[in-house]
Amino acid sequence: MCVWAGAPMNAQAQSLQYFAFLPVVMKPCPVHSFIQDGGMEAGAPNPHWFTSSSQFSDVLDDSPVPAAHTGAWKAWMGGDNSVTEVISQTFAIPAGVTQFTLRYWVWIDTQDGAGGDTLAVQLRNASGGVIATLDALSDASTIPTWTERVVTFTAPAASALQLAFVAQTDALDPTSFFVDDVSLNAVCS
């Protein structure tokens, strides 16, 4: 602490004026991604990502077509009619962190285009209950190459939350939703 004592402003003043200059202390911001193995390179089964498929398909995929955005592995959801597939991960949150930036890469390949096949990016509580839909895509928004999506959001104060990618296809022509390189970072003020 730095203290400076100044002379009285006028001759009749009986007290001294004191000024205190205090340093600004900022809480450090976590710089790592809260998501583990965002590139899914641990393969399948994956110790960090929970996967499910209504048709019991392998959701994590290392096939060369299309190639992963980086590395060898990616999530491949959909690709068939009338299927629901999910990848999700629960992550711990340090006290006081509520602002986040989600980044992920997506590729949508469809034979449909009518909008009935969807990919929703959901924020869930630790038990899996949906809090918010952070991003929503469909076969009507075809993305024929790897494209980065960025979403900034405020989450409720919690010790743990879950990030989920949910693909659902209808009974018409199939759509494949590919996801790779997921990261989730705190937004610092």
C-alpha atoms as a PDB file:
ATOM      1  CA  MET A   1       0.000   0.000   0.000  1.00  0.00           C
ATOM      2  CA  CYS A   2       1.240   3.466  -0.862  1.00  0.00           C
ATOM      3  CA  VAL A   3       0.130   6.385   1.356  1.00  0.00           C
ATOM      4  CA  TRP A   4       0.765  10.023   0.564  1.00  0.00           C
ATOM      5  CA  ALA A   5       0.209  12.847   2.988  1.00  0.00           C
ATOM      6  CA  GLY A   6      -0.429  16.205   1.437  1.00  0.00           C
ATOM      7  CA  ALA A   7      -0.299  19.670   2.883  1.00  0.00           C
ATOM      8  CA  PRO A   8      -3.549  21.291   4.001  1.00  0.00           C
ATOM      9  CA  MET A   9      -5.535  22.876   1.179  1.00  0.00           C
ATOM     10  CA  ASN A  10      -5.671  26.188   3.011  1.00  0.00           C
ATOM     11  CA  ALA A  11      -3.980  27.667   6.002  1.00  0.00           C
ATOM     12  CA  GLN A  12      -7.048  27.307   8.221  1.00  0.00           C
ATOM     13  CA  ALA A  13      -7.430  23.591   7.647  1.00  0.00           C
ATOM     14  CA  GLN A  14      -6.472  21.612  10.735  1.00  0.00           C
ATOM     15  CA  SER A  15      -6.243  18.102   9.266  1.00  0.00           C
ATOM     16  CA  LEU A  16      -4.075  16.496   6.695  1.00  0.00           C
ATOM     17  CA  GLN A  17      -5.533  14.752   3.662  1.00  0.00           C
ATOM     18  CA  TYR A  18      -4.451  11.182   3.028  1.00  0.00           C
ATOM     19  CA  PHE A  19      -4.692   9.275  -0.219  1.00  0.00           C
ATOM     20  CA  ALA A  20      -4.372   5.504  -0.454  1.00  0.00           C
ATOM     21  CA  PHE A  21      -3.406   3.850  -3.721  1.00  0.00           C
ATOM     22  CA  LEU A  22      -4.221   0.147  -3.603  1.00  0.00           C
ATOM     23  CA  PRO A  23      -3.232  -2.405  -6.220  1.00  0.00           C
ATOM     24  CA  VAL A  24      -5.981  -4.017  -8.281  1.00  0.00           C
ATOM     25  CA  VAL A  25      -6.140  -7.724  -7.548  1.00  0.00           C
ATOM     26  CA  MET A  26      -7.739  -9.827 -10.268  1.00  0.00           C
ATOM     27  CA  LYS A  27      -8.699 -13.439  -9.880  1.00  0.00           C
ATOM     28  CA  PRO A  28      -6.855 -15.499 -12.503  1.00  0.00           C
ATOM     29  CA  CYS A  29      -8.994 -16.936 -15.261  1.00  0.00           C
ATOM     30  CA  PRO A  30      -8.718 -20.654 -16.058  1.00  0.00           C
ATOM     31  CA  VAL A  31      -7.046 -20.883 -19.459  1.00  0.00           C
ATOM     32  CA  HIS A  32      -7.575 -24.582 -20.067  1.00  0.00           C
ATOM     33  CA  SER A  33     -10.617 -26.094 -21.710  1.00  0.00           C
ATOM     34  CA  PHE A  34     -13.102 -27.577 -19.281  1.00  0.00           C
ATOM     35  CA  ILE A  35     -13.699 -30.323 -21.853  1.00  0.00           C
ATOM     36  CA  GLN A  36     -11.274 -33.236 -21.747  1.00  0.00           C
ATOM     37  CA  ASP A  37     -10.191 -34.871 -25.013  1.00  0.00           C
ATOM     38  CA  GLY A  38     -12.090 -32.378 -27.169  1.00  0.00           C
ATOM     39  CA  GLY A  39     -10.580 -34.024 -30.255  1.00  0.00           C
ATOM     40  CA  MET A  40     -11.830 -37.473 -29.134  1.00  0.00           C
ATOM     41  CA  GLU A  41      -8.361 -38.878 -29.770  1.00  0.00           C
ATOM     42  CA  ALA A  42      -8.699 -41.389 -26.910  1.00  0.00           C
ATOM     43  CA  GLY A  43     -10.896 -43.297 -29.351  1.00  0.00           C
ATOM     44  CA  ALA A  44     -13.742 -45.607 -28.473  1.00  0.00           C
ATOM     45  CA  PRO A  45     -14.628 -46.450 -25.839  1.00  0.00           C
ATOM     46  CA  ASN A  46     -13.648 -43.004 -24.607  1.00  0.00           C
ATOM     47  CA  PRO A  47     -12.991 -42.325 -20.910  1.00  0.00           C
ATOM     48  CA  HIS A  48     -14.210 -38.704 -21.200  1.00  0.00           C
ATOM     49  CA  TRP A  49     -17.156 -38.791 -23.591  1.00  0.00           C
ATOM     50  CA  PHE A  50     -20.404 -40.635 -22.899  1.00  0.00           C
ATOM     51  CA  THR A  51     -21.973 -41.839 -26.144  1.00  0.00           C
ATOM     52  CA  SER A  52     -25.338 -43.360 -26.952  1.00  0.00           C
ATOM     53  CA  SER A  53     -27.145 -44.451 -30.099  1.00  0.00           C
ATOM     54  CA  SER A  54     -30.718 -45.650 -30.541  1.00  0.00           C
ATOM     55  CA  GLN A  55     -29.331 -48.021 -33.184  1.00  0.00           C
ATOM     56  CA  PHE A  56     -26.321 -49.082 -31.090  1.00  0.00           C
ATOM     57  CA  SER A  57     -23.873 -47.531 -33.584  1.00  0.00           C
ATOM     58  CA  ASP A  58     -20.338 -46.493 -32.710  1.00  0.00           C
ATOM     59  CA  VAL A  59     -20.645 -42.715 -32.426  1.00  0.00           C
ATOM     60  CA  LEU A  60     -16.910 -42.031 -32.136  1.00  0.00           C
ATOM     61  CA  ASP A  61     -15.276 -42.781 -35.468  1.00  0.00           C
ATOM     62  CA  ASP A  62     -11.801 -42.894 -37.001  1.00  0.00           C
ATOM     63  CA  SER A  63     -12.746 -43.704 -40.598  1.00  0.00           C
ATOM     64  CA  PRO A  64     -10.816 -41.674 -43.191  1.00  0.00           C
ATOM     65  CA  VAL A  65     -13.883 -40.320 -45.023  1.00  0.00           C
ATOM     66  CA  PRO A  66     -14.457 -37.659 -44.106  1.00  0.00           C
ATOM     67  CA  ALA A  67     -11.200 -37.144 -42.282  1.00  0.00           C
ATOM     68  CA  ALA A  68     -11.376 -35.722 -38.772  1.00  0.00           C
ATOM     69  CA  HIS A  69     -10.811 -31.980 -38.476  1.00  0.00           C
ATOM     70  CA  THR A  70      -7.561 -32.750 -36.645  1.00  0.00           C
ATOM     71  CA  GLY A  71      -6.118 -36.052 -35.500  1.00  0.00           C
ATOM     72  CA  ALA A  72      -7.805 -39.313 -36.407  1.00  0.00           C
ATOM     73  CA  TRP A  73     -11.041 -39.327 -34.373  1.00  0.00           C
ATOM     74  CA  LYS A  74     -14.336 -37.436 -34.586  1.00  0.00           C
ATOM     75  CA  ALA A  75     -17.958 -37.926 -33.590  1.00  0.00           C
ATOM     76  CA  TRP A  76     -20.212 -39.176 -36.388  1.00  0.00           C
ATOM     77  CA  MET A  77     -23.877 -38.849 -35.467  1.00  0.00           C
ATOM     78  CA  GLY A  78     -26.869 -39.639 -37.642  1.00  0.00           C
ATOM     79  CA  GLY A  79     -26.003 -41.166 -40.997  1.00  0.00           C
ATOM     80  CA  ASP A  80     -29.138 -43.285 -40.890  1.00  0.00           C
ATOM     81  CA  ASN A  81     -32.892 -42.746 -40.730  1.00  0.00           C
ATOM     82  CA  SER A  82     -34.863 -42.491 -37.480  1.00  0.00           C
ATOM     83  CA  VAL A  83     -31.864 -42.431 -35.145  1.00  0.00           C
ATOM     84  CA  THR A  84     -31.009 -40.457 -32.014  1.00  0.00           C
ATOM     85  CA  GLU A  85     -27.352 -40.232 -31.052  1.00  0.00           C
ATOM     86  CA  VAL A  86     -25.621 -38.317 -28.271  1.00  0.00           C
ATOM     87  CA  ILE A  87     -22.126 -37.433 -27.118  1.00  0.00           C
ATOM     88  CA  SER A  88     -21.867 -35.690 -23.765  1.00  0.00           C
ATOM     89  CA  GLN A  89     -19.361 -34.802 -21.098  1.00  0.00           C
ATOM     90  CA  THR A  90     -19.803 -33.587 -17.530  1.00  0.00           C
ATOM     91  CA  PHE A  91     -17.321 -30.944 -16.403  1.00  0.00           C
ATOM     92  CA  ALA A  92     -16.451 -29.308 -13.079  1.00  0.00           C
ATOM     93  CA  ILE A  93     -16.724 -25.539 -12.668  1.00  0.00           C
ATOM     94  CA  PRO A  94     -14.558 -23.446 -10.334  1.00  0.00           C
ATOM     95  CA  ALA A  95     -16.464 -21.201  -7.929  1.00  0.00           C
ATOM     96  CA  GLY A  96     -17.535 -17.909  -9.470  1.00  0.00           C
ATOM     97  CA  VAL A  97     -17.194 -18.948 -13.131  1.00  0.00           C
ATOM     98  CA  THR A  98     -20.435 -18.497 -15.091  1.00  0.00           C
ATOM     99  CA  GLN A  99     -19.381 -17.066 -18.483  1.00  0.00           C
ATOM    100  CA  PHE A 100     -18.129 -19.493 -21.147  1.00  0.00           C
ATOM    101  CA  THR A 101     -17.111 -19.655 -24.791  1.00  0.00           C
ATOM    102  CA  LEU A 102     -17.792 -22.934 -26.580  1.00  0.00           C
ATOM    103  CA  ARG A 103     -15.910 -23.676 -29.775  1.00  0.00           C
ATOM    104  CA  TYR A 104     -16.457 -26.750 -31.909  1.00  0.00           C
ATOM    105  CA  TRP A 105     -16.024 -27.835 -35.518  1.00  0.00           C
ATOM    106  CA  VAL A 106     -18.929 -29.325 -37.457  1.00  0.00           C
ATOM    107  CA  TRP A 107     -19.543 -30.822 -40.900  1.00  0.00           C
ATOM    108  CA  ILE A 108     -23.074 -31.633 -42.091  1.00  0.00           C
ATOM    109  CA  ASP A 109     -23.538 -34.039 -45.003  1.00  0.00           C
ATOM    110  CA  THR A 110     -27.119 -34.680 -46.074  1.00  0.00           C
ATOM    111  CA  GLN A 111     -29.225 -36.278 -48.759  1.00  0.00           C
ATOM    112  CA  ASP A 112     -32.329 -34.594 -47.338  1.00  0.00           C
ATOM    113  CA  GLY A 113     -32.336 -30.814 -46.825  1.00  0.00           C
ATOM    114  CA  ALA A 114     -35.918 -30.519 -45.571  1.00  0.00           C
ATOM    115  CA  GLY A 115     -34.931 -29.554 -42.005  1.00  0.00           C
ATOM    116  CA  GLY A 116     -36.158 -32.705 -40.263  1.00  0.00           C
ATOM    117  CA  ASP A 117     -32.707 -33.904 -39.196  1.00  0.00           C
ATOM    118  CA  THR A 118     -31.248 -31.845 -36.344  1.00  0.00           C
ATOM    119  CA  LEU A 119     -28.177 -31.350 -34.204  1.00  0.00           C
ATOM    120  CA  ALA A 120     -28.706 -29.575 -30.882  1.00  0.00           C
ATOM    121  CA  VAL A 121     -25.899 -28.465 -28.591  1.00  0.00           C
ATOM    122  CA  GLN A 122     -27.292 -28.535 -25.083  1.00  0.00           C
ATOM    123  CA  LEU A 123     -26.179 -27.307 -21.693  1.00  0.00           C
ATOM    124  CA  ARG A 124     -27.483 -29.698 -19.047  1.00  0.00           C
ATOM    125  CA  ASN A 125     -27.316 -29.990 -15.300  1.00  0.00           C
ATOM    126  CA  ALA A 126     -25.117 -32.738 -13.865  1.00  0.00           C
ATOM    127  CA  SER A 127     -28.107 -35.123 -13.880  1.00  0.00           C
ATOM    128  CA  GLY A 128     -28.732 -34.596 -17.602  1.00  0.00           C
ATOM    129  CA  GLY A 129     -31.701 -32.203 -17.423  1.00  0.00           C
ATOM    130  CA  VAL A 130     -31.606 -29.639 -20.240  1.00  0.00           C
ATOM    131  CA  ILE A 131     -30.901 -26.080 -19.066  1.00  0.00           C
ATOM    132  CA  ALA A 132     -30.487 -24.429 -22.482  1.00  0.00           C
ATOM    133  CA  THR A 133     -29.927 -25.142 -26.160  1.00  0.00           C
ATOM    134  CA  LEU A 134     -26.690 -23.338 -27.048  1.00  0.00           C
ATOM    135  CA  ASP A 135     -26.721 -23.999 -30.791  1.00  0.00           C
ATOM    136  CA  ALA A 136     -29.118 -25.692 -33.211  1.00  0.00           C
ATOM    137  CA  LEU A 137     -28.396 -26.914 -36.729  1.00  0.00           C
ATOM    138  CA  SER A 138     -30.349 -28.988 -39.227  1.00  0.00           C
ATOM    139  CA  ASP A 139     -30.040 -30.635 -42.606  1.00  0.00           C
ATOM    140  CA  ALA A 140     -31.423 -27.389 -44.053  1.00  0.00           C
ATOM    141  CA  SER A 141     -28.167 -25.705 -42.977  1.00  0.00           C
ATOM    142  CA  THR A 142     -25.795 -27.963 -44.889  1.00  0.00           C
ATOM    143  CA  ILE A 143     -22.144 -27.318 -44.030  1.00  0.00           C
ATOM    144  CA  PRO A 144     -20.136 -29.277 -46.637  1.00  0.00           C
ATOM    145  CA  THR A 145     -16.736 -28.830 -45.000  1.00  0.00           C
ATOM    146  CA  TRP A 146     -15.334 -28.416 -41.497  1.00  0.00           C
ATOM    147  CA  THR A 147     -16.616 -25.119 -40.062  1.00  0.00           C
ATOM    148  CA  GLU A 148     -15.972 -23.662 -36.615  1.00  0.00           C
ATOM    149  CA  ARG A 149     -18.952 -22.627 -34.498  1.00  0.00           C
ATOM    150  CA  VAL A 150     -18.453 -20.264 -31.532  1.00  0.00           C
ATOM    151  CA  VAL A 151     -21.062 -19.736 -28.824  1.00  0.00           C
ATOM    152  CA  THR A 152     -20.652 -17.505 -25.751  1.00  0.00           C
ATOM    153  CA  PHE A 153     -23.130 -18.076 -22.940  1.00  0.00           C
ATOM    154  CA  THR A 154     -23.867 -17.571 -19.256  1.00  0.00           C
ATOM    155  CA  ALA A 155     -24.402 -20.689 -17.177  1.00  0.00           C
ATOM    156  CA  PRO A 156     -26.097 -20.953 -13.808  1.00  0.00           C
ATOM    157  CA  ALA A 157     -23.803 -21.146 -10.803  1.00  0.00           C
ATOM    158  CA  ALA A 158     -23.091 -24.840 -10.292  1.00  0.00           C
ATOM    159  CA  SER A 159     -20.240 -27.111  -9.333  1.00  0.00           C
ATOM    160  CA  ALA A 160     -20.732 -29.281 -12.437  1.00  0.00           C
ATOM    161  CA  LEU A 161     -22.585 -29.065 -15.742  1.00  0.00           C
ATOM    162  CA  GLN A 162     -22.869 -31.247 -18.824  1.00  0.00           C
ATOM    163  CA  LEU A 163     -22.311 -30.396 -22.486  1.00  0.00           C
ATOM    164  CA  ALA A 164     -24.243 -32.588 -24.932  1.00  0.00           C
ATOM    165  CA  PHE A 165     -24.458 -32.862 -28.717  1.00  0.00           C
ATOM    166  CA  VAL A 166     -27.750 -34.512 -29.702  1.00  0.00           C
ATOM    167  CA  ALA A 167     -28.454 -35.625 -33.281  1.00  0.00           C
ATOM    168  CA  GLN A 168     -31.911 -36.750 -34.352  1.00  0.00           C
ATOM    169  CA  THR A 169     -32.876 -37.877 -37.838  1.00  0.00           C
ATOM    170  CA  ASP A 170     -36.310 -38.449 -39.316  1.00  0.00           C
ATOM    171  CA  ALA A 171     -37.531 -41.278 -41.571  1.00  0.00           C
ATOM    172  CA  LEU A 172     -36.570 -39.501 -44.802  1.00  0.00           C
ATOM    173  CA  ASP A 173     -33.136 -39.360 -46.423  1.00  0.00           C
ATOM    174  CA  PRO A 174     -30.257 -39.531 -43.908  1.00  0.00           C
ATOM    175  CA  THR A 175     -28.000 -36.756 -42.612  1.00  0.00           C
ATOM    176  CA  SER A 176     -24.576 -37.157 -41.026  1.00  0.00           C
ATOM    177  CA  PHE A 177     -23.437 -34.679 -38.377  1.00  0.00           C
ATOM    178  CA  PHE A 178     -19.678 -34.743 -37.744  1.00  0.00           C
ATOM    179  CA  VAL A 179     -18.266 -32.976 -34.650  1.00  0.00           C
ATOM    180  CA  ASP A 180     -14.615 -32.508 -33.675  1.00  0.00           C
ATOM    181  CA  ASP A 181     -12.250 -30.336 -31.616  1.00  0.00           C
ATOM    182  CA  VAL A 182     -14.619 -29.220 -28.867  1.00  0.00           C
ATOM    183  CA  SER A 183     -13.311 -26.678 -26.356  1.00  0.00           C
ATOM    184  CA  LEU A 184     -15.004 -24.800 -23.535  1.00  0.00           C
ATOM    185  CA  ASN A 185     -13.220 -21.907 -21.842  1.00  0.00           C
ATOM    186  CA  ALA A 186     -14.140 -19.384 -19.183  1.00  0.00           C
ATOM    187  CA  VAL A 187     -14.765 -15.807 -20.281  1.00  0.00           C
ATOM    188  CA  CYS A 188     -12.791 -13.458 -18.029  1.00  0.00           C
ATOM    189  CA  SER A 189     -13.738  -9.882 -17.336  1.00  0.00           C
END
